[in-house]
Structure formats: structure tokens, C-alpha cells
């Protein structure tokens, strides 16, 4: 298979591209066969010789999943297809069944995209550095030869309820008081899994775009972009709700707006969840990536926990969770990881913790997050630059004598005015900037100074 094509779609943490020019059934089948050899054969603790496979609502997903299953069975392994699933449901299935897994989704990307998120047994992460590169190379070389015997395909539709029960087990559902809120599923997989999780709970939910539609007729399923929250904000304010929740296309990320329609930074949600988990698990270790607000480690330590800083990216976080036995991890991007969820991320579990906090407070979300809103943040700002290294070096030199710095993941600098992180994208010619300071004016001043350095000729 064409090497240039493969290099374009095998990303840092998944496989992703446009259908059918970059990703088609041939590619999916070859990847299934290669995944058995690279991921499956290494998993000495697997429950059986089988892969569990799920897919989202995109029109191409079922046929691509079936093609991947043909690749798996060509190697003598069985394929267990669980059908429509959110990514965190696929991770749950991988952990519960003790099998490696594959999820067909392009997450928040537009309708013409699709992709594959792979994991090892127990939802162990697979990145380009932990199996992805070898799978790519094996596909490029024509893939492994078929086995002497062909495996079977099993279709299961009984895991949704088990997954919903698992998600609800993280909180005390019997103690919940009524909460009025809206959920924007963005025509993504939230429309499939959220009703099962919320069933029987004292929630008054206004449902937006629950219809599964991979053409995204209402707005892109990418709530990190402010324009995709507008419908949710409008209905929350007009209906006088306590909060609004939005999920991305594969429903593994969760975002929230308060009763005034104001987006709540993911780091603040992470702080709320960390506080509640540590109340149940005193002294536990909690991780946060280095772009999270300072309020996250401050909250962890104030609650008696151990705060551990990590690089950005789910592979790094899951590895560090395993090393430290951390009970929870928060990312700035709407990903929340739970040790008792096979160390995998779940937007739904985070949403339940947030709703539990609102329920306990008997108040709107703004009052719940107010104690954590101590700093101002810029959000992630992307700069397209031809020479990432030269631009980053200009910034480093300008701040060399103005504070402390480290290069654990890009460049992080702490000054008297605030702190910032500047790091290159893994897949695009971009530099990503995040700034935090005491107030909006300080953020703007620091942001503008760094932006001028990045874009200088």
C-alpha cells in the first residue's frame, strides 16, 4: 500500500483521514490483520484470541468495521462486533472482556473523515510509538499472510446496559437530587449512550440533536469550538436551566456551560471532579497535564491528594497513571481519565461527577465552579508557522531572564505576570499557545507579546 498515504493517516494517537481516498475497506482490512500481529500477539493476558470492535454513526463506519473484522479473522482470530458505541464504551468493552479493541470514529472531525482508535487489552493505549508505526509498516509491506484457519465473527448488542451501569457506579445515584439541564449530543454517539446512563436518575434533561447522523446536519460535533456551543447556550438561558453539557462526535470528551451560557474551562471541571474523588479516596494521586490551570494542582493538594504533572496526550497520561496508581487525571481538552475505568477517559463519568456536584449544591453550575475560578486563561491559540523551532527559540530567548522554564512538553515559562506553554502540534505545522494569569488584562498582555515573537519575520 502507498507509503505516502499511510504516513498521512497514521497520526500520533490514532488513524484518521478522508473516506474513501485515504481510508477505505482495503485499508481497514489490512489494518485489522496487522493489528492482530502487532497488538494482539503481544497481549499475553488476553482472555481469548479475539478483537472487540465498535463504531460510530458515520455512514462509512459499519462497512469499515466489517472490513477490519475480515482482517482480524484472516489471522485466525475472532472478531466481536459490538455495533454502535461511544469510544469510552469501546474502552469499557476492551477492559471488561479482556481483549484488544478497535473503535471506528473520526471523533470531532467533519463528515468526510473516518478513522480507527486502537487499544490493547484492558484499554491500554496504542500510539504511533507503541505499535502504530509497526502496524503502518506491516500494512505498507502488504500485510501478514492469512492463517491456515479463519476466525469467526460474533455480533453483540448487550453491552450498552452493562456500560451504563459501570458509568453510574462512580457516584452515589441514590443521593442525587433533581437537576435541570440540557445535553447537546451534536448528532454524535452521545445520543446513543447518554439516555442509557441517565435512565432512572432524577434528571430533567432537554435533549439537543440526539439523532445519530454522521453528516452532522446541525453543527460539527466539536464543542471545543465556541460556535458549536451556541445552540446549547441559547436553550440553557431561555429555559432557565442549571447547566448545559456537550459531547464530541464519539462522546469521549465532555464540555459544559453554566446557567448563563458561559463556557466552563475544562480545567475547572477537572478540579471539581478531583475534589469529589479525593473526598472519597483521601490521599490518592491525581494527574494533570501541564496545560491545565494552576487551580487543578492547588485543588488536589488542598484536598490532601498528591498532584503529579504530566505531558499532554492520552498515552503519556495512561502510562503515568499505571506507574503512580493515580485515581484520576484531567486534561485541558475535555478528556478525563479514571483508574477504575481501566485508566481510560470517559466524558460520561466526568459528566456524572459534575451533575452530582450541582445536585449536592442545589444551585446552578456557576456557583459550583466559582471557588475554582481563580485565574484567567487564554484557551489554546494556534499559530501556523513555517519554522516551528525558530519561532519557539525566539520566544525562549526573549523570556530567558524573566522567570523559570522547562521543556518537558514544548516550552513552559513562569513569570511574575503569569505562565505560558508553547508546544508544536504532532501532526500539523502549528505552534499551540496557552496562557494563564491573574486576570484577563494580564493574559492579553502576555499573549500579545508572545504572538508578536512567534509571527516575527
Protein backbone atom coordinates (compact mmCIF):
# COMPACT_ATOMS: atom_id res chain seq x y z
CA UNK A 1 0.00 0.00 0.00
CA UNK A 2 1.18 3.52 -0.79
CA UNK A 3 3.61 4.70 1.89
CA UNK A 4 2.80 8.40 1.47
CA UNK A 5 -0.89 7.71 2.01
CA UNK A 6 -0.16 5.70 5.15
CA UNK A 7 2.19 8.34 6.55
CA UNK A 8 -0.61 10.90 6.18
CA UNK A 9 -3.25 8.94 8.11
CA UNK A 10 -1.26 7.23 10.86
CA UNK A 11 -1.30 10.01 13.48
CA UNK A 12 0.28 10.22 16.92
CA UNK A 13 -2.64 8.52 18.69
CA UNK A 14 -4.93 7.11 16.00
CA UNK A 15 -5.51 6.53 12.31
CA UNK A 16 -7.57 9.25 10.64
CA UNK A 17 -8.29 10.51 7.13
CA UNK A 18 -10.89 11.14 4.48
CA UNK A 19 -13.14 8.44 3.03
CA UNK A 20 -12.63 6.81 0.59
CA UNK A 21 -9.47 8.36 -0.82
CA UNK A 22 -7.38 7.86 2.32
CA UNK A 23 -9.37 5.32 4.34
CA UNK A 24 -11.32 2.54 2.62
CA UNK A 25 -12.24 -1.10 3.19
CA UNK A 26 -8.90 -2.35 1.84
CA UNK A 27 -7.02 -0.20 4.35
CA UNK A 28 -9.31 -1.26 7.19
CA UNK A 29 -8.93 -4.95 6.38
CA UNK A 30 -5.15 -4.73 6.13
CA UNK A 31 -5.03 -2.82 9.42
CA UNK A 32 -7.14 -5.47 11.13
CA UNK A 33 -4.74 -8.20 10.05
CA UNK A 34 -1.69 -6.18 11.06
CA UNK A 35 -3.24 -5.24 14.43
CA UNK A 36 -3.58 -8.91 15.33
CA UNK A 37 0.12 -9.43 14.71
CA UNK A 38 1.34 -6.26 16.45
CA UNK A 39 -1.15 -5.66 19.27
CA UNK A 40 -2.91 -8.96 19.71
CA UNK A 41 0.01 -11.37 19.74
CA UNK A 42 1.84 -9.27 22.34
CA UNK A 43 -1.10 -9.38 24.76
CA UNK A 44 -0.18 -12.40 26.84
CA UNK A 45 -3.02 -11.73 29.29
CA UNK A 46 -5.84 -11.63 26.70
CA UNK A 47 -8.99 -13.57 27.52
CA UNK A 48 -9.05 -15.23 24.09
CA UNK A 49 -7.76 -14.74 20.56
CA UNK A 50 -10.24 -12.04 19.61
CA UNK A 51 -10.61 -8.32 18.90
CA UNK A 52 -13.59 -6.27 20.10
CA UNK A 53 -14.79 -3.72 17.51
CA UNK A 54 -17.16 -0.76 17.82
CA UNK A 55 -18.15 2.05 15.51
CA UNK A 56 -19.82 5.45 15.46
CA UNK A 57 -22.73 6.85 13.43
CA UNK A 58 -20.77 7.90 10.32
CA UNK A 59 -22.18 6.30 7.17
CA UNK A 60 -18.89 4.56 6.39
CA UNK A 61 -18.28 3.18 9.89
CA UNK A 62 -20.17 -0.15 9.75
CA UNK A 63 -18.58 -1.26 6.48
CA UNK A 64 -15.11 -0.22 7.62
CA UNK A 65 -15.62 -2.12 10.90
CA UNK A 66 -16.70 -5.20 8.98
CA UNK A 67 -13.59 -4.91 6.79
CA UNK A 68 -11.37 -4.66 9.86
CA UNK A 69 -13.11 -7.79 11.21
CA UNK A 70 -12.25 -9.63 7.98
CA UNK A 71 -8.62 -8.73 8.53
CA UNK A 72 -8.78 -10.00 12.11
CA UNK A 73 -10.43 -13.29 11.16
CA UNK A 74 -7.92 -13.81 8.33
CA UNK A 75 -5.32 -14.26 11.05
CA UNK A 76 -7.29 -16.99 12.78
CA UNK A 77 -8.65 -14.64 15.47
CA UNK A 78 -12.30 -13.97 16.23
CA UNK A 79 -13.96 -10.57 15.83
CA UNK A 80 -16.56 -9.41 18.34
CA UNK A 81 -18.52 -6.53 16.85
CA UNK A 82 -20.46 -4.57 19.48
CA UNK A 83 -22.02 -2.19 16.95
CA UNK A 84 -22.79 1.45 17.71
CA UNK A 85 -20.67 2.68 20.59
CA UNK A 86 -19.01 5.72 22.04
CA UNK A 87 -15.24 5.48 22.32
CA UNK A 88 -15.42 5.16 26.09
CA UNK A 89 -17.91 2.30 25.66
CA UNK A 90 -15.40 0.54 23.40
CA UNK A 91 -12.69 1.05 26.03
CA UNK A 92 -15.05 -0.40 28.63
CA UNK A 93 -15.68 -3.42 26.41
CA UNK A 94 -11.93 -3.91 25.94
CA UNK A 95 -11.41 -3.84 29.69
CA UNK A 96 -14.43 -5.89 30.66
CA UNK A 97 -13.84 -8.58 28.04
CA UNK A 98 -10.06 -8.62 28.43
CA UNK A 99 -9.44 -8.06 24.70
CA UNK A 100 -7.69 -5.60 22.41
CA UNK A 101 -10.06 -3.24 20.63
CA UNK A 102 -10.72 -1.03 17.65
CA UNK A 103 -13.11 1.90 17.50
CA UNK A 104 -14.14 3.31 14.13
CA UNK A 105 -14.60 7.05 14.51
CA UNK A 106 -13.15 10.35 13.43
CA UNK A 107 -14.26 11.94 16.70
CA UNK A 108 -14.96 15.65 16.13
CA UNK A 109 -13.77 15.78 12.51
CA UNK A 110 -16.16 16.65 9.63
CA UNK A 111 -18.39 14.12 7.91
CA UNK A 112 -15.94 13.18 5.15
CA UNK A 113 -13.48 11.78 7.72
CA UNK A 114 -13.25 8.46 9.49
CA UNK A 115 -10.58 6.67 11.46
CA UNK A 116 -9.55 3.94 13.88
CA UNK A 117 -8.67 4.23 17.55
CA UNK A 118 -6.80 1.11 18.63
CA UNK A 119 -6.18 -0.16 22.14
CA UNK A 120 -4.56 -3.15 23.76
CA UNK A 121 -6.12 -5.46 26.32
CA UNK A 122 -7.76 -3.51 29.11
CA UNK A 123 -7.93 -0.30 27.02
CA UNK A 124 -4.15 0.06 27.05
CA UNK A 125 -3.13 2.94 24.78
CA UNK A 126 -1.73 2.37 21.31
CA UNK A 127 0.16 5.31 19.84
CA UNK A 128 2.49 5.68 16.88
CA UNK A 129 5.34 4.82 19.27
CA UNK A 130 3.64 1.83 20.91
CA UNK A 131 2.51 -0.26 17.96
CA UNK A 132 1.10 2.22 15.45
CA UNK A 133 4.31 2.57 13.48
CA UNK A 134 4.74 -1.21 13.23
CA UNK A 135 1.15 -1.65 12.07
CA UNK A 136 1.68 1.04 9.44
CA UNK A 137 4.87 -0.58 8.20
CA UNK A 138 3.27 -4.03 8.08
CA UNK A 139 0.36 -2.65 6.04
CA UNK A 140 2.80 -0.88 3.72
CA UNK A 141 4.61 -4.17 3.10
CA UNK A 142 1.42 -5.93 2.04
CA UNK A 143 0.27 -7.15 5.44
CA UNK A 144 0.66 -10.54 7.09
CA UNK A 145 -0.19 -13.74 5.22
CA UNK A 146 -3.54 -15.35 6.04
CA UNK A 147 -3.58 -18.02 8.73
CA UNK A 148 -4.44 -21.63 7.98
CA UNK A 149 -7.82 -21.25 9.65
CA UNK A 150 -10.26 -18.34 9.62
CA UNK A 151 -11.74 -16.93 12.79
CA UNK A 152 -15.42 -16.24 13.42
CA UNK A 153 -17.43 -13.02 13.65
CA UNK A 154 -19.68 -12.56 16.67
CA UNK A 155 -22.13 -9.66 16.98
CA UNK A 156 -23.15 -8.48 20.43
CA UNK A 157 -25.73 -5.89 21.34
CA UNK A 158 -25.86 -6.44 25.10
CA UNK A 159 -23.04 -4.21 26.32
CA UNK A 160 -24.77 -0.82 26.40
CA UNK A 161 -26.64 -1.53 29.63
CA UNK A 162 -23.54 -3.01 31.28
CA UNK A 163 -21.60 0.09 30.25
CA UNK A 164 -24.31 2.39 31.64
CA UNK A 165 -24.28 0.50 34.96
CA UNK A 166 -20.49 0.82 35.08
CA UNK A 167 -20.61 4.58 34.49
CA UNK A 168 -23.26 5.09 37.19
CA UNK A 169 -21.18 3.11 39.70
CA UNK A 170 -18.79 6.06 40.10
CA UNK A 171 -21.28 8.17 42.04
CA UNK A 172 -23.98 7.62 44.67
CA UNK A 173 -27.03 7.73 42.45
CA UNK A 174 -29.39 7.22 45.41
CA UNK A 175 -28.30 10.55 46.89
CA UNK A 176 -28.95 12.61 43.75
CA UNK A 177 -31.42 15.48 43.88
CA UNK A 178 -33.21 16.69 40.73
CA UNK A 179 -31.11 18.68 38.23
CA UNK A 180 -32.45 20.55 35.19
CA UNK A 181 -30.01 20.75 32.29
CA UNK A 182 -29.59 20.34 28.55
CA UNK A 183 -27.34 17.95 26.62
CA UNK A 184 -26.15 18.66 23.07
CA UNK A 185 -25.08 15.36 21.53
CA UNK A 186 -24.22 17.01 18.21
CA UNK A 187 -25.84 14.10 16.31
CA UNK A 188 -22.97 12.01 17.64
CA UNK A 189 -22.70 8.96 19.86
CA UNK A 190 -23.87 10.84 22.94
CA UNK A 191 -27.36 10.36 21.52
CA UNK A 192 -26.86 6.60 21.86
CA UNK A 193 -25.16 6.26 25.25
CA UNK A 194 -26.38 9.23 27.30
CA UNK A 195 -30.03 8.08 27.56
CA UNK A 196 -28.93 4.68 28.84
CA UNK A 197 -26.71 6.23 31.51
CA UNK A 198 -29.27 8.82 32.66
CA UNK A 199 -32.23 6.42 32.69
CA UNK A 200 -33.89 6.31 36.11
CA UNK A 201 -31.87 9.23 37.52
CA UNK A 202 -33.67 12.36 38.83
CA UNK A 203 -32.64 14.45 35.85
CA UNK A 204 -34.82 16.72 33.78
CA UNK A 205 -32.89 16.69 30.52
CA UNK A 206 -33.59 18.81 27.46
CA UNK A 207 -32.18 16.80 24.55
CA UNK A 208 -30.50 18.55 21.63
CA UNK A 209 -29.51 16.68 18.46
CA UNK A 210 -29.70 13.14 19.81
CA UNK A 211 -30.47 11.74 16.35
CA UNK A 212 -27.47 9.74 15.14
CA UNK A 213 -26.38 11.39 11.91
CA UNK A 214 -22.79 11.28 10.72
CA UNK A 215 -23.44 14.10 8.25
CA UNK A 216 -23.82 16.50 11.22
CA UNK A 217 -26.79 18.48 9.91
CA UNK A 218 -26.95 20.94 12.82
CA UNK A 219 -23.35 21.78 13.65
CA UNK A 220 -19.98 20.00 13.81
CA UNK A 221 -19.70 17.66 16.80
CA UNK A 222 -16.73 19.63 18.10
CA UNK A 223 -17.74 21.55 21.24
CA UNK A 224 -14.24 22.86 21.87
CA UNK A 225 -15.07 25.45 19.17
CA UNK A 226 -17.24 28.22 20.67
CA UNK A 227 -19.57 28.48 17.68
CA UNK A 228 -20.67 24.87 18.19
CA UNK A 229 -21.96 25.68 21.69
CA UNK A 230 -24.36 28.42 20.61
CA UNK A 231 -27.49 26.28 20.39
CA UNK A 232 -26.77 24.80 23.82
CA UNK A 233 -26.10 28.22 25.34
CA UNK A 234 -29.33 29.60 23.90
CA UNK A 235 -31.57 26.86 25.24
CA UNK A 236 -29.92 26.84 28.69
CA UNK A 237 -30.51 30.57 29.12
CA UNK A 238 -34.01 30.61 27.60
CA UNK A 239 -35.19 27.64 29.66
CA UNK A 240 -33.55 28.76 32.90
CA UNK A 241 -31.57 25.53 33.28
CA UNK A 242 -28.79 24.91 35.81
CA UNK A 243 -26.20 23.98 33.18
CA UNK A 244 -25.62 22.57 29.72
CA UNK A 245 -23.40 19.65 28.66
CA UNK A 246 -21.97 18.94 25.21
CA UNK A 247 -20.20 15.86 23.86
CA UNK A 248 -17.99 15.48 20.82
CA UNK A 249 -18.73 13.06 17.98
CA UNK A 250 -17.55 9.87 19.69
CA UNK A 251 -18.67 11.15 23.13
CA UNK A 252 -15.36 10.62 24.90
CA UNK A 253 -14.93 14.35 25.60
CA UNK A 254 -17.31 16.47 27.66
CA UNK A 255 -17.75 20.25 27.84
CA UNK A 256 -20.10 22.38 29.90
CA UNK A 257 -21.71 25.81 30.03
CA UNK A 258 -23.17 27.38 33.15
CA UNK A 259 -26.72 28.71 33.58
CA UNK A 260 -25.71 31.99 31.95
CA UNK A 261 -24.39 30.14 28.88
CA UNK A 262 -20.78 30.84 29.77
CA UNK A 263 -18.39 28.02 28.80
CA UNK A 264 -16.64 26.47 31.79
CA UNK A 265 -12.93 25.72 31.19
CA UNK A 266 -12.17 22.01 31.21
CA UNK A 267 -9.51 22.53 33.88
CA UNK A 268 -12.17 23.84 36.27
CA UNK A 269 -14.30 20.77 35.62
CA UNK A 270 -11.19 18.69 36.32
CA UNK A 271 -10.74 20.49 39.63
CA UNK A 272 -14.36 19.85 40.62
CA UNK A 273 -14.05 16.14 39.77
CA UNK A 274 -10.67 15.84 41.54
CA UNK A 275 -12.13 17.39 44.69
CA UNK A 276 -15.00 14.93 44.76
CA UNK A 277 -12.87 11.88 44.02
CA UNK A 278 -10.36 12.81 46.72
CA UNK A 279 -13.17 13.22 49.24
CA UNK A 280 -13.94 9.55 48.60
CA UNK A 281 -10.29 8.48 48.33
CA UNK A 282 -8.18 10.54 50.75
CA UNK A 283 -4.51 10.85 49.90
CA UNK A 284 -4.82 9.45 46.37
CA UNK A 285 -2.66 10.57 43.46
CA UNK A 286 -4.26 12.71 40.75
CA UNK A 287 -2.62 13.68 37.46
CA UNK A 288 -3.00 16.85 35.43
CA UNK A 289 -1.36 17.76 32.17
CA UNK A 290 0.94 20.76 32.08
CA UNK A 291 -1.56 22.96 30.25
CA UNK A 292 -4.17 22.67 33.00
CA UNK A 293 -4.80 25.71 35.16
CA UNK A 294 -2.85 26.04 38.40
CA UNK A 295 -6.18 25.61 40.17
CA UNK A 296 -6.01 21.87 39.43
CA UNK A 297 -2.82 21.03 41.38
CA UNK A 298 -3.81 23.55 44.05
CA UNK A 299 -7.15 21.78 44.47
CA UNK A 300 -5.55 18.35 44.57
CA UNK A 301 -3.09 19.36 47.26
CA UNK A 302 -5.70 21.25 49.31
CA UNK A 303 -7.84 18.09 49.31
CA UNK A 304 -4.91 16.07 50.66
CA UNK A 305 -4.03 14.37 47.39
CA UNK A 306 -0.73 14.06 45.54
CA UNK A 307 -0.62 16.14 42.36
CA UNK A 308 1.53 14.82 39.51
CA UNK A 309 2.17 16.88 36.36
CA UNK A 310 2.30 15.07 33.00
CA UNK A 311 2.84 15.76 29.34
CA UNK A 312 -0.12 16.28 27.04
CA UNK A 313 -1.57 13.18 25.39
CA UNK A 314 -3.52 10.12 26.45
CA UNK A 315 -0.63 7.69 26.03
CA UNK A 316 1.57 9.65 28.42
CA UNK A 317 -1.26 10.05 30.90
CA UNK A 318 -2.27 6.39 30.90
CA UNK A 319 1.33 5.28 31.30
CA UNK A 320 1.84 7.65 34.23
CA UNK A 321 -1.44 6.52 35.78
CA UNK A 322 -0.16 2.95 35.71
CA UNK A 323 3.19 3.96 37.21
CA UNK A 324 1.69 6.04 40.02
CA UNK A 325 -1.63 4.23 40.55
CA UNK A 326 -3.31 7.60 40.09
CA UNK A 327 -7.06 7.50 40.62
CA UNK A 328 -7.91 10.32 38.21
CA UNK A 329 -6.33 12.51 35.53
CA UNK A 330 -7.51 15.72 33.88
CA UNK A 331 -6.58 17.27 30.56
CA UNK A 332 -7.26 20.79 29.35
CA UNK A 333 -9.00 19.43 26.25
CA UNK A 334 -12.08 17.85 27.83
CA UNK A 335 -10.55 14.40 28.44
CA UNK A 336 -10.93 12.91 31.94
CA UNK A 337 -9.34 9.60 32.90
CA UNK A 338 -10.36 7.26 35.71
CA UNK A 339 -8.27 4.46 37.19
CA UNK A 340 -11.36 2.34 37.83
CA UNK A 341 -12.38 2.78 34.20
CA UNK A 342 -9.34 0.81 33.02
CA UNK A 343 -7.43 4.13 33.17
CA UNK A 344 -9.38 5.23 30.11
CA UNK A 345 -11.03 8.57 29.51
CA UNK A 346 -14.80 8.99 29.75
CA UNK A 347 -16.79 12.14 29.20
CA UNK A 348 -19.85 10.45 30.67
CA UNK A 349 -18.22 9.62 34.00
CA UNK A 350 -16.95 13.20 34.28
CA UNK A 351 -20.42 14.49 33.42
CA UNK A 352 -21.96 12.43 36.25
CA UNK A 353 -19.47 13.83 38.76
CA UNK A 354 -20.29 17.35 37.60
CA UNK A 355 -24.03 16.72 37.82
CA UNK A 356 -23.56 15.21 41.27
CA UNK A 357 -21.80 18.43 42.35
CA UNK A 358 -24.68 20.55 41.04
CA UNK A 359 -27.16 18.21 42.73
CA UNK A 360 -25.37 18.46 46.09
CA UNK A 361 -25.15 22.23 45.85
CA UNK A 362 -28.77 22.66 44.83
CA UNK A 363 -27.50 25.55 42.74
CA UNK A 364 -26.59 26.41 39.16
CA UNK A 365 -23.19 25.47 37.77
CA UNK A 366 -21.67 28.94 38.13
CA UNK A 367 -21.95 28.65 41.92
CA UNK A 368 -20.34 25.21 41.88
CA UNK A 369 -17.29 26.33 39.89
CA UNK A 370 -16.92 29.80 41.45
CA UNK A 371 -14.47 28.66 44.19
CA UNK A 372 -12.20 27.24 41.48
CA UNK A 373 -12.29 30.22 39.10
CA UNK A 374 -9.20 31.94 40.47
CA UNK A 375 -7.28 32.62 37.26
CA UNK A 376 -7.84 33.82 33.71
CA UNK A 377 -6.86 31.66 30.74
CA UNK A 378 -6.38 32.34 27.05
CA UNK A 379 -7.54 28.98 25.82
CA UNK A 380 -5.47 27.23 23.17
CA UNK A 381 -4.33 29.54 20.37
CA UNK A 382 -2.88 28.04 17.20
CA UNK A 383 -0.22 29.73 15.07
CA UNK A 384 0.64 28.37 11.64
CA UNK A 385 4.38 28.81 11.19
CA UNK A 386 6.85 27.51 8.65
CA UNK A 387 9.72 27.02 11.10
CA UNK A 388 8.38 25.91 14.47
CA UNK A 389 11.84 25.60 16.04
CA UNK A 390 12.93 29.11 15.07
CA UNK A 391 9.71 30.67 16.35
CA UNK A 392 9.91 28.78 19.64
CA UNK A 393 13.55 29.79 20.04
CA UNK A 394 12.65 33.48 19.65
CA UNK A 395 10.16 33.11 22.49
CA UNK A 396 12.59 31.18 24.68
CA UNK A 397 15.33 33.78 24.22
CA UNK A 398 13.00 36.67 24.97
CA UNK A 399 11.92 35.12 28.28
CA UNK A 400 15.27 33.60 29.27
CA UNK A 401 15.83 36.03 32.14
CA UNK A 402 12.23 36.68 33.10
CA UNK A 403 11.25 33.56 35.01
CA UNK A 404 11.68 29.82 35.28
CA UNK A 405 11.25 27.47 32.35
CA UNK A 406 11.16 23.80 31.42
CA UNK A 407 10.91 21.82 28.19
CA UNK A 408 9.03 18.74 29.34
CA UNK A 409 6.45 19.25 26.58
CA UNK A 410 7.26 22.24 24.43
CA UNK A 411 8.33 25.35 26.35
CA UNK A 412 6.70 26.29 29.67
CA UNK A 413 7.69 29.61 31.24
CA UNK A 414 6.58 31.02 34.59
CA UNK A 415 6.98 34.75 35.15
CA UNK A 416 5.70 37.25 37.69
CA UNK A 417 2.96 38.13 35.20
CA UNK A 418 1.71 34.55 34.70
CA UNK A 419 2.73 31.38 32.88
CA UNK A 420 2.50 30.04 29.35
CA UNK A 421 3.16 26.88 27.38
CA UNK A 422 4.18 26.86 23.73
CA UNK A 423 4.35 23.47 22.04
CA UNK A 424 4.36 22.15 18.47
CA UNK A 425 1.48 20.14 17.07
CA UNK A 426 2.19 16.45 16.49
CA UNK A 427 0.53 16.45 13.08
CA UNK A 428 0.37 19.99 11.68
CA UNK A 429 2.74 22.95 11.11
CA UNK A 430 1.31 24.67 14.17
CA UNK A 431 2.52 26.09 17.45
CA UNK A 432 -0.07 25.90 20.23
CA UNK A 433 -0.05 28.61 22.90
CA UNK A 434 -1.77 28.53 26.30
CA UNK A 435 -1.50 31.44 28.74
CA UNK A 436 -2.71 31.81 32.34
CA UNK A 437 -2.50 34.86 34.60
CA UNK A 438 -4.32 36.58 37.45
CA UNK A 439 -6.77 38.46 35.23
CA UNK A 440 -7.82 38.97 31.62
CA UNK A 441 -5.63 42.05 31.10
CA UNK A 442 -2.51 40.18 32.21
CA UNK A 443 -3.41 37.26 29.95
CA UNK A 444 -3.90 39.58 26.98
CA UNK A 445 -0.58 41.36 27.54
CA UNK A 446 1.39 38.14 27.81
CA UNK A 447 -0.46 36.56 24.87
CA UNK A 448 0.14 39.54 22.59
CA UNK A 449 3.82 39.71 23.42
CA UNK A 450 4.34 36.02 22.67
CA UNK A 451 2.23 36.20 19.49
CA UNK A 452 4.42 39.04 18.16
CA UNK A 453 7.52 36.92 18.75
CA UNK A 454 6.03 33.86 17.06
CA UNK A 455 4.95 35.74 13.95
CA UNK A 456 8.06 37.93 13.63
CA UNK A 457 9.95 37.51 10.35
